[in-house]
Amino acid sequence: EWLFAKKGIGASNHFEAGGFIRSNDEVEYPNLQFHFLPIAIRYDGSAPSEGHGFQLHVGPMYSDAKGHVKITSNDPTKYPKILFNYLSTEKDRKEWVEAIKCSRRIFNQKAFDELRDKELSPGPDIKTDEQILDFVAREGESAYHPSCTCKMGYDDMSVVDSELKVHGIEGLRVVDASVMPEITNGNICAPVLMIGEKAADIILGNTPLPASNLNFYRHEK
């Protein structure tokens, strides 16, 4: 359909709208991110629900749940073992429950009345906080923004210094999302590009721009 008429699902970028919101009045910054899609799909490659549908993807942006990465072999072609440790903290569990409830409030708005049919996922039977957390534990997926496993700093858990050099090893730098001390509150693509540009300047010996302190968004209570 797209190839011959330039119409249909193939003409969409799939993520046609997005948003950042505060899930409760206690947080000072948007802590949930939404992606709105005109079709029902999954990240993991499995088949979506049959028939027509629309959906949103949602999740906490600044979770305090910390996982780990373990090397499984000295063979670089072997995958490491990754544990994300989802839902391991009270804050993470609270924000996931709020994420599902906020999503439902959005889709229950009058503007969706002519488009909305029955809820496919999690489904109308998933009501309590415990049921929501069980659903998230079973169905939650990575949005492909892992980071912070080789963080910059000088404490016992840090790996690289301010020039991205690995502590105690000469001639080795790490230049990727793993050097972030904490994950950024949003998609990490642009910050990772910035890290790469900064690393290139450091390696080339370019004079850095003057330092500046910039305020970030906080909600006025």
Protein backbone atom coordinates (compact mmCIF):
# COMPACT_ATOMS: atom_id res chain seq x y z
CA GLU A 1 0.00 0.00 0.00
CA TRP A 2 2.79 2.41 0.85
CA LEU A 3 4.93 1.35 -2.12
CA PHE A 4 2.24 2.08 -4.70
CA ALA A 5 -0.05 4.64 -3.04
CA LYS A 6 2.17 6.15 -0.32
CA LYS A 7 -0.61 5.48 2.18
CA GLY A 8 -1.32 3.16 5.08
CA ILE A 9 0.74 2.10 8.09
CA GLY A 10 3.95 2.17 6.05
CA ALA A 11 3.51 5.92 5.59
CA SER A 12 3.61 6.47 9.36
CA ASN A 13 6.70 6.72 11.53
CA HIS A 14 4.60 4.70 14.04
CA PHE A 15 5.46 7.02 16.94
CA GLU A 16 3.18 9.82 15.83
CA ALA A 17 2.96 11.66 19.14
CA GLY A 18 4.73 11.73 22.47
CA GLY A 19 4.67 13.44 25.80
CA PHE A 20 6.30 13.87 29.18
CA ILE A 21 4.16 14.24 32.31
CA ARG A 22 4.44 14.25 36.09
CA SER A 23 2.71 11.21 37.53
CA ASN A 24 1.95 12.88 40.86
CA ASP A 25 2.22 16.25 42.59
CA GLU A 26 5.29 15.24 44.59
CA VAL A 27 7.76 15.18 41.68
CA GLU A 28 9.25 18.41 40.33
CA TYR A 29 9.93 17.20 36.79
CA PRO A 30 8.21 15.02 34.18
CA ASN A 31 8.94 11.46 35.26
CA LEU A 32 6.89 9.48 32.71
CA GLN A 33 7.31 9.35 28.94
CA PHE A 34 4.59 8.41 26.45
CA HIS A 35 4.78 7.26 22.83
CA PHE A 36 1.46 7.11 20.97
CA LEU A 37 1.07 4.69 18.06
CA PRO A 38 -1.75 4.22 15.51
CA ILE A 39 -1.22 0.43 15.48
CA ALA A 40 -0.79 -2.36 18.02
CA ILE A 41 2.80 -3.66 18.00
CA ARG A 42 5.45 -5.02 20.33
CA TYR A 43 9.16 -4.29 20.65
CA ASP A 44 10.14 -7.94 21.05
CA GLY A 45 9.13 -9.06 17.56
CA SER A 46 6.19 -11.20 18.65
CA ALA A 47 2.82 -10.86 16.94
CA PRO A 48 0.60 -7.97 18.08
CA SER A 49 -3.06 -8.32 18.93
CA GLU A 50 -5.24 -9.25 15.99
CA GLY A 51 -7.44 -6.62 14.39
CA HIS A 52 -7.29 -2.86 14.49
CA GLY A 53 -5.92 -1.03 17.47
CA PHE A 54 -3.97 1.93 18.78
CA GLN A 55 -1.75 2.10 21.81
CA LEU A 56 0.72 3.99 23.88
CA HIS A 57 4.04 2.92 25.31
CA VAL A 58 4.80 4.35 28.74
CA GLY A 59 7.46 4.04 31.40
CA PRO A 60 9.36 5.86 34.16
CA MET A 61 12.17 8.05 32.87
CA TYR A 62 14.34 8.33 35.98
CA SER A 63 14.02 5.01 37.75
CA ASP A 64 16.16 4.34 40.81
CA ALA A 65 16.16 0.59 40.10
CA LYS A 66 19.75 -0.46 39.40
CA GLY A 67 20.81 -3.62 37.60
CA HIS A 68 24.15 -4.97 36.42
CA VAL A 69 26.02 -6.36 33.44
CA LYS A 70 28.27 -9.41 33.83
CA ILE A 71 30.80 -10.70 31.30
CA THR A 72 30.07 -14.38 30.64
CA SER A 73 33.14 -15.29 28.59
CA ASN A 74 36.49 -13.99 27.36
CA ASP A 75 35.08 -14.51 23.86
CA PRO A 76 33.96 -11.04 22.67
CA THR A 77 31.26 -12.60 20.46
CA LYS A 78 29.45 -14.04 23.49
CA TYR A 79 26.63 -11.96 24.91
CA PRO A 80 26.99 -10.58 28.44
CA LYS A 81 24.41 -11.31 31.12
CA ILE A 82 22.22 -8.26 31.73
CA LEU A 83 19.94 -7.86 34.75
CA PHE A 84 17.80 -4.71 34.61
CA ASN A 85 16.28 -5.31 38.06
CA TYR A 86 12.94 -3.77 37.16
CA LEU A 87 10.49 -3.17 40.03
CA SER A 88 13.19 -3.67 42.66
CA THR A 89 12.52 -0.38 44.49
CA GLU A 90 9.44 1.20 46.03
CA LYS A 91 9.77 4.29 43.82
CA ASP A 92 10.00 2.22 40.64
CA ARG A 93 6.95 0.15 41.56
CA LYS A 94 4.97 3.29 42.46
CA GLU A 95 5.79 5.00 39.17
CA TRP A 96 4.87 1.94 37.12
CA VAL A 97 1.45 1.75 38.75
CA GLU A 98 0.98 5.46 38.13
CA ALA A 99 2.10 5.01 34.52
CA ILE A 100 -0.64 2.46 33.78
CA LYS A 101 -3.29 4.48 35.60
CA CYS A 102 -2.32 7.71 33.82
CA SER A 103 -2.44 5.88 30.49
CA ARG A 104 -5.96 4.69 31.18
CA ARG A 105 -7.10 8.18 32.16
CA ILE A 106 -5.80 9.51 28.84
CA PHE A 107 -7.54 6.85 26.75
CA ASN A 108 -10.78 7.28 28.71
CA GLN A 109 -11.06 10.92 27.67
CA LYS A 110 -14.09 11.89 25.59
CA ALA A 111 -11.87 12.61 22.57
CA PHE A 112 -11.24 8.86 22.21
CA ASP A 113 -14.90 7.80 22.48
CA GLU A 114 -15.42 7.27 18.75
CA LEU A 115 -12.12 5.40 18.39
CA ARG A 116 -11.90 3.34 21.56
CA ASP A 117 -13.17 -0.21 21.93
CA LYS A 118 -12.30 -2.73 24.63
CA GLU A 119 -8.90 -2.55 26.32
CA LEU A 120 -6.64 -5.28 24.95
CA SER A 121 -3.63 -4.85 27.22
CA PRO A 122 -3.32 -5.01 30.20
CA GLY A 123 -7.07 -5.67 29.90
CA PRO A 124 -10.06 -4.64 32.03
CA ASP A 125 -9.48 -7.45 34.55
CA ILE A 126 -6.16 -5.90 35.62
CA LYS A 127 -7.33 -3.44 38.27
CA THR A 128 -5.40 -3.53 41.55
CA ASP A 129 -1.88 -2.22 42.10
CA GLU A 130 -0.69 -5.78 42.64
CA GLN A 131 -2.25 -6.93 39.37
CA ILE A 132 -0.67 -4.02 37.51
CA LEU A 133 2.78 -4.81 38.91
CA ASP A 134 2.37 -8.47 37.99
CA PHE A 135 1.45 -7.43 34.43
CA VAL A 136 4.48 -5.12 34.19
CA ALA A 137 6.79 -7.85 35.52
CA ARG A 138 5.52 -10.26 32.84
CA GLU A 139 5.14 -7.92 29.87
CA GLY A 140 7.50 -4.98 30.46
CA GLU A 141 10.18 -4.46 27.83
CA SER A 142 13.34 -2.41 27.53
CA ALA A 143 13.10 0.80 25.52
CA TYR A 144 16.79 0.32 24.63
CA HIS A 145 18.26 3.05 26.82
CA PRO A 146 20.51 1.13 29.24
CA SER A 147 23.42 3.15 30.58
CA CYS A 148 25.68 3.96 33.55
CA THR A 149 27.61 0.67 33.80
CA CYS A 150 31.04 2.36 33.43
CA LYS A 151 30.24 5.64 35.11
CA MET A 152 32.47 8.69 35.18
CA GLY A 153 33.81 9.68 38.57
CA TYR A 154 36.39 9.01 41.25
CA ASP A 155 34.52 6.86 43.76
CA ASP A 156 34.97 3.11 44.18
CA MET A 157 32.24 2.30 41.63
CA SER A 158 33.49 4.62 38.88
CA VAL A 159 35.31 3.36 35.78
CA VAL A 160 36.44 6.43 33.80
CA ASP A 161 37.74 9.90 34.62
CA SER A 162 36.67 13.27 33.21
CA GLU A 163 38.54 12.53 29.97
CA LEU A 164 36.82 9.13 29.62
CA LYS A 165 40.06 7.26 30.39
CA VAL A 166 39.66 3.99 32.25
CA HIS A 167 41.15 4.23 35.74
CA GLY A 168 44.48 2.44 36.03
CA ILE A 169 44.79 1.53 32.34
CA GLU A 170 46.73 3.52 29.77
CA GLY A 171 45.48 4.05 26.23
CA LEU A 172 41.89 2.96 26.86
CA ARG A 173 38.79 5.13 26.82
CA VAL A 174 35.08 4.34 27.04
CA VAL A 175 32.87 6.54 24.88
CA ASP A 176 29.22 5.54 25.06
CA ALA A 177 26.15 5.70 27.31
CA SER A 178 27.82 3.58 29.98
CA VAL A 179 29.90 6.55 31.21
CA MET A 180 26.84 8.48 32.41
CA PRO A 181 26.86 8.71 36.24
CA GLU A 182 23.04 8.68 36.10
CA ILE A 183 20.62 8.13 33.25
CA THR A 184 19.28 11.30 31.66
CA ASN A 185 15.59 12.08 32.05
CA GLY A 186 14.62 11.22 28.49
CA ASN A 187 15.85 9.33 25.44
CA ILE A 188 19.63 8.98 25.52
CA CYS A 189 20.39 9.32 21.79
CA ALA A 190 21.23 13.04 21.87
CA PRO A 191 23.29 12.81 25.09
CA VAL A 192 25.28 9.89 23.62
CA LEU A 193 25.99 11.92 20.48
CA MET A 194 27.18 14.74 22.74
CA ILE A 195 29.47 12.35 24.63
CA GLY A 196 30.97 11.23 21.32
CA GLU A 197 31.52 14.82 20.15
CA LYS A 198 33.11 15.76 23.47
CA ALA A 199 35.38 12.70 23.38
CA ALA A 200 36.50 13.65 19.87
CA ASP A 201 37.37 17.17 21.06
CA ILE A 202 39.32 15.77 24.01
CA ILE A 203 41.30 13.35 21.83
CA LEU A 204 42.01 16.07 19.24
CA GLY A 205 42.99 18.55 21.95
CA ASN A 206 40.40 21.15 20.92
CA THR A 207 39.84 24.07 23.27
CA PRO A 208 36.59 23.49 25.17
CA LEU A 209 33.76 25.99 25.21
CA PRO A 210 33.39 28.13 28.36
CA ALA A 211 31.60 26.35 31.19
CA SER A 212 28.03 27.36 31.94
CA ASN A 213 25.40 26.40 34.49
CA LEU A 214 21.91 25.91 33.08
CA ASN A 215 18.73 25.34 35.01
CA PHE A 216 16.47 22.47 33.98
CA TYR A 217 12.70 22.35 34.17
CA ARG A 218 11.13 22.03 37.59
CA HIS A 219 7.41 22.34 38.25
CA GLU A 220 6.46 25.32 40.38
CA LYS A 221 4.56 23.97 43.35
